[in-house]
Protein backbone atom coordinates (compact mmCIF):
# COMPACT_ATOMS: atom_id res chain seq x y z
CA MET A 1 -0.06 -0.12 0.28
CA SER A 2 1.13 3.48 -1.12
CA PRO A 3 1.79 5.70 2.02
CA ASN A 4 1.00 8.92 -0.23
CA PRO A 5 -2.61 10.10 -0.04
CA PRO A 6 -4.89 8.60 -1.91
CA SER A 7 -7.38 11.46 -2.01
CA PHE A 8 -5.08 13.16 -3.99
CA LEU A 9 -4.51 10.21 -6.61
CA HIS A 10 -8.19 9.57 -6.96
CA HIS A 11 -8.59 13.48 -8.08
CA LEU A 12 -5.67 12.67 -10.84
CA GLN A 13 -7.65 10.00 -11.57
CA THR A 14 -10.88 11.62 -12.29
CA GLU A 15 -10.11 15.13 -12.68
CA GLY A 16 -6.56 15.28 -14.61
CA TYR A 17 -4.12 17.80 -14.18
CA HIS A 18 -4.23 21.23 -15.50
CA PRO A 19 -0.82 23.62 -15.54
CA ARG A 20 -3.44 26.45 -15.24
CA SER A 21 -6.01 25.43 -12.77
CA ASN A 22 -5.30 25.21 -8.86
CA LYS A 23 -7.30 22.37 -8.24
CA HIS A 24 -4.76 19.43 -7.96
CA SER A 25 -2.62 21.74 -5.60
CA ASN A 26 -6.04 22.18 -3.29
CA ALA A 27 -6.58 18.11 -3.48
CA LEU A 28 -2.90 17.96 -2.42
CA ALA A 29 -3.29 20.30 0.37
CA GLU A 30 -6.56 19.18 1.45
CA ALA A 31 -4.74 15.67 1.55
CA ILE A 32 -1.97 16.74 3.64
CA LEU A 33 -3.95 18.72 6.01
CA ASN A 34 -5.95 15.74 6.56
CA ASP A 35 -2.83 13.64 7.27
CA LEU A 36 -1.53 16.38 9.67
CA VAL A 37 -4.96 16.19 11.93
CA THR A 38 -4.62 12.61 11.79
CA TYR A 39 -1.40 11.93 13.00
CA CYS A 40 -0.03 14.64 14.93
CA PRO A 41 -2.17 14.77 18.11
CA GLU A 42 -0.65 18.64 19.32
CA ILE A 43 -2.38 19.50 16.14
CA ALA A 44 -5.61 17.48 16.09
CA GLN A 45 -6.24 18.61 19.88
CA LYS A 46 -5.82 22.38 19.13
CA ALA A 47 -7.72 21.57 15.88
CA ALA A 48 -10.99 20.00 17.74
CA ALA A 49 -10.82 23.18 20.63
CA GLY A 50 -11.03 25.59 17.90
CA GLN A 51 -7.73 27.14 18.75
CA ILE A 52 -6.16 26.64 15.28
CA VAL A 53 -7.64 27.01 11.74
CA TYR A 54 -6.36 26.31 8.07
CA ASP A 55 -6.54 27.98 4.69
CA LEU A 56 -5.76 27.56 0.68
CA ASN A 57 -4.29 29.82 -1.58
CA PHE A 58 -3.43 32.53 1.88
CA ASN A 59 -2.11 35.15 1.14
CA VAL A 60 1.19 36.27 3.75
CA SER A 61 2.24 39.52 3.81
CA VAL A 62 5.64 40.78 4.66
CA GLY A 63 5.93 44.68 4.87
CA THR A 64 4.71 45.35 1.09
CA THR A 65 4.92 41.92 -0.42
CA ASP A 66 2.30 39.21 -0.60
CA TRP A 67 2.95 35.77 -1.28
CA ASN A 68 -0.17 33.09 -1.95
CA ILE A 69 0.50 29.90 0.15
CA ASP A 70 -1.01 26.63 -1.06
CA LEU A 71 -1.67 25.14 2.45
CA VAL A 72 -1.64 27.58 6.28
CA ILE A 73 -2.54 26.34 9.39
CA GLY A 74 -2.60 29.11 12.10
CA LEU A 75 -4.08 30.57 15.32
CA ALA A 76 -7.58 30.98 15.33
CA PRO A 77 -9.26 34.39 15.03
CA LEU A 78 -10.65 35.58 18.94
CA GLY A 79 -14.02 33.79 19.58
CA MET A 80 -13.53 31.06 16.93
CA ASN A 81 -16.02 27.98 18.00
CA PRO A 82 -14.38 24.48 17.81
CA PRO A 83 -15.61 22.57 14.63
CA GLU A 84 -19.02 21.00 13.93
CA PRO A 85 -18.38 17.43 13.17
CA PRO A 86 -17.51 15.41 11.58
CA MET A 87 -14.73 18.72 10.45
CA LYS A 88 -12.06 18.00 12.13
CA ILE A 89 -10.68 21.54 11.69
CA THR A 90 -12.31 24.93 10.35
CA ARG A 91 -11.29 26.72 7.41
CA THR A 92 -11.08 30.33 7.55
CA HIS A 93 -8.02 32.88 7.82
CA PRO A 94 -6.01 32.29 10.40
CA ALA A 95 -5.08 35.13 12.67
CA SER A 96 -1.34 34.01 12.52
CA VAL A 97 0.54 31.58 10.38
CA GLN A 98 2.53 28.68 11.85
CA VAL A 99 2.38 26.30 9.11
CA ALA A 100 2.98 27.19 5.40
CA VAL A 101 3.09 24.58 3.18
CA GLU A 102 4.17 25.50 -0.57
CA ILE A 103 3.12 22.71 -3.40
CA LYS A 104 4.65 22.66 -6.90
CA SER A 105 4.39 20.06 -9.72
CA VAL A 106 6.59 19.08 -12.85
CA MET A 107 4.60 16.75 -15.23
CA THR A 108 6.61 17.65 -18.17
CA GLU A 109 9.35 19.45 -19.52
CA HIS A 110 11.19 18.78 -16.53
CA ARG A 111 14.79 19.94 -16.61
CA LYS A 112 13.74 23.40 -17.32
CA ALA A 113 10.35 23.00 -15.52
CA ILE A 114 12.39 22.34 -12.04
CA LYS A 115 14.30 25.02 -12.25
CA ASN A 116 11.65 27.52 -11.80
CA ARG A 117 10.04 25.25 -9.05
CA LYS A 118 13.72 25.32 -6.95
CA ARG A 119 13.42 29.38 -7.07
CA ASP A 120 9.71 29.00 -5.98
CA PHE A 121 10.51 26.79 -3.30
CA GLU A 122 14.02 29.44 -2.44
CA ALA A 123 11.36 32.20 -2.48
CA HIS A 124 9.00 30.62 -0.22
CA HIS A 125 10.89 29.66 2.61
CA ILE A 126 12.26 33.42 2.79
CA HIS A 127 8.99 34.68 2.44
CA ALA A 128 7.82 32.86 5.14
CA HIS A 129 10.41 33.03 7.83
CA GLN A 130 10.67 36.81 7.51
CA TYR A 131 6.95 36.75 8.14
CA ASN A 132 7.95 34.43 11.28
CA SER A 133 11.53 32.88 12.31
CA LYS A 134 9.37 30.20 14.09
CA ILE A 135 6.85 29.50 11.12
CA ILE A 136 7.31 25.88 9.46
CA ALA A 137 7.99 26.52 6.00
CA GLY A 138 7.14 23.31 4.29
CA GLY A 139 7.70 22.30 0.37
CA VAL A 140 6.15 19.41 -1.47
CA LEU A 141 7.04 18.78 -5.14
CA VAL A 142 4.70 16.51 -7.47
CA LEU A 143 6.69 14.59 -10.09
CA ASN A 144 5.49 12.71 -13.01
CA ALA A 145 7.43 9.79 -14.44
CA SER A 146 5.05 8.60 -17.33
CA THR A 147 6.72 8.36 -20.48
CA THR A 148 4.10 10.21 -22.46
CA PHE A 149 1.96 13.40 -21.43
CA ARG A 150 -0.82 15.15 -22.77
CA SER A 151 -1.03 18.93 -21.63
CA PRO A 152 -4.80 20.42 -22.27
CA LEU A 153 -2.42 23.54 -23.57
CA ARG A 154 -0.29 21.47 -26.81
CA PRO A 155 -1.99 19.82 -29.65
CA ASP A 156 0.67 17.58 -29.27
CA ILE A 157 1.40 14.52 -26.62
CA THR A 158 5.12 14.91 -25.48
CA THR A 159 7.18 11.92 -24.88
CA HIS A 160 9.81 11.63 -22.27
CA ARG A 161 12.89 10.00 -22.67
CA ASN A 162 14.42 8.39 -20.06
CA PRO A 163 12.05 9.21 -17.49
CA GLN A 164 13.48 7.64 -14.32
CA ASN A 165 16.69 9.86 -15.08
CA LEU A 166 14.66 13.09 -15.07
CA ILE A 167 13.07 11.93 -11.87
CA LEU A 168 16.22 11.24 -10.48
CA HIS A 169 17.48 14.78 -11.30
CA CYS A 170 14.47 16.30 -10.35
CA ILE A 171 14.62 14.82 -7.05
CA ASN A 172 18.49 16.19 -6.25
CA GLU A 173 17.85 19.35 -7.54
CA MET A 174 14.45 19.51 -4.71
CA LYS A 175 17.37 18.00 -2.08
CA SER A 176 18.94 21.02 -2.84
CA VAL A 177 16.76 23.50 -1.86
CA GLY A 178 17.83 25.20 1.46
CA SER A 179 16.83 23.11 4.23
CA SER A 180 16.99 25.07 7.81
CA GLY A 181 17.99 22.00 9.78
CA GLY A 182 14.59 22.44 11.88
CA ILE A 183 16.76 25.63 13.73
CA ILE A 184 14.69 28.47 14.37
CA GLY A 185 15.96 31.25 12.48
CA GLU A 186 17.84 29.42 9.67
CA GLN A 187 17.07 30.15 6.42
CA GLY A 188 15.48 26.80 4.36
CA LEU A 189 12.60 24.52 4.30
CA ASP A 190 11.64 22.75 6.95
CA ALA A 191 10.20 19.92 6.17
CA LYS A 192 10.41 18.45 2.07
CA ALA A 193 8.65 15.92 0.41
CA VAL A 194 8.67 14.36 -3.23
CA VAL A 195 5.52 12.51 -4.56
CA VAL A 196 5.77 10.70 -7.57
CA VAL A 197 3.01 9.89 -9.82
CA ASP A 198 2.60 7.95 -13.08
CA SER A 199 -0.01 10.21 -15.34
CA ASP A 200 -0.09 10.44 -18.77
CA ASN A 201 -3.33 13.02 -18.74
CA ILE A 202 -5.12 10.56 -21.66
CA ASP A 203 -6.09 7.66 -19.55
CA LEU A 204 -6.92 8.90 -16.00
CA SER A 205 -8.23 6.14 -14.45
CA ASP A 206 -5.11 4.33 -14.97
CA THR A 207 -2.58 7.41 -12.70
CA SER A 208 -1.14 5.73 -10.23
CA TYR A 209 1.80 6.93 -7.42
CA VAL A 210 5.31 5.51 -8.24
CA VAL A 211 6.65 3.99 -4.72
CA SER A 212 9.36 2.11 -6.04
CA LYS A 213 12.38 3.57 -8.24
CA PRO A 214 13.15 6.66 -8.98
CA ALA A 215 10.76 7.45 -6.03
CA PRO A 216 12.23 8.18 -2.29
CA PRO A 217 11.92 5.03 -0.43
CA MET A 218 10.77 5.07 2.79
CA GLY A 219 13.53 6.55 4.97
CA ASP A 220 14.59 8.82 2.32
CA PRO A 221 14.45 12.69 3.76
CA VAL A 222 11.83 13.67 1.13
CA HIS A 223 9.91 10.61 1.54
CA TYR A 224 5.92 11.72 2.34
CA ASP A 225 5.63 9.86 5.33
CA ALA A 226 9.05 11.70 6.54
CA PHE A 227 7.31 15.02 5.60
CA ILE A 228 4.39 14.60 7.68
CA GLN A 229 6.16 13.30 10.78
CA LYS A 230 8.87 16.26 10.29
CA ILE A 231 6.27 19.00 10.70
CA CYS A 232 4.25 17.09 13.49
CA GLU A 233 8.01 17.08 15.73
CA LEU A 234 8.22 20.79 14.66
CA TYR A 235 4.70 21.77 15.54
CA ARG A 236 5.37 19.94 19.30
CA MET A 237 8.36 22.14 19.52
CA ARG A 238 7.19 25.09 18.70
CA PHE A 239 3.85 25.71 19.00
CA THR A 240 3.04 23.56 22.19
């Protein structure tokens, strides 16, 4: 069984991927949130008490600069009631952000796209830590290992030569994004993950997770499981 979130895979299998839509990042953000509430007792308790909330595509302001972040978790506004069952956490604008997760994808043109995604992650953690040095800045990269891909923006189908090498290259680039080492005040991502899918964006139902090579194995620092556990650990240290 894949440790990656099944709800995100279901989204790709039913709606596919469109580079100009944020539906796929929203689906993964909701899946990450669910795992954090499920597997992090401290987050679960605060969420159930109405002390923390979440939002998607939230603008975090530093000075005159805004940065739109895919998933944020933070302190609830004053007077917030606990979530109504079966909800585990309320969605609304947080009064102050504690966790900020940026989600990026590389589905085709890997070597070109990963350069931009790497810059995005570097800018994300800098902005997040300027907002609050204690904030947990996370980054998740979705990579496509399919040999072909149909983009809704192009008339032809793209063929990926040696997709395994492309995936390994992108993983190495993600690992080279600055890391804070979990130290408050240090620049870099506090937690990283790489999720690998096999999607040609044609036969959607055939979309699957890649859990063997070239995907990061269990125990790798950028494995999704390690990402969730790292955020849980840092949240316990910084905000409880």
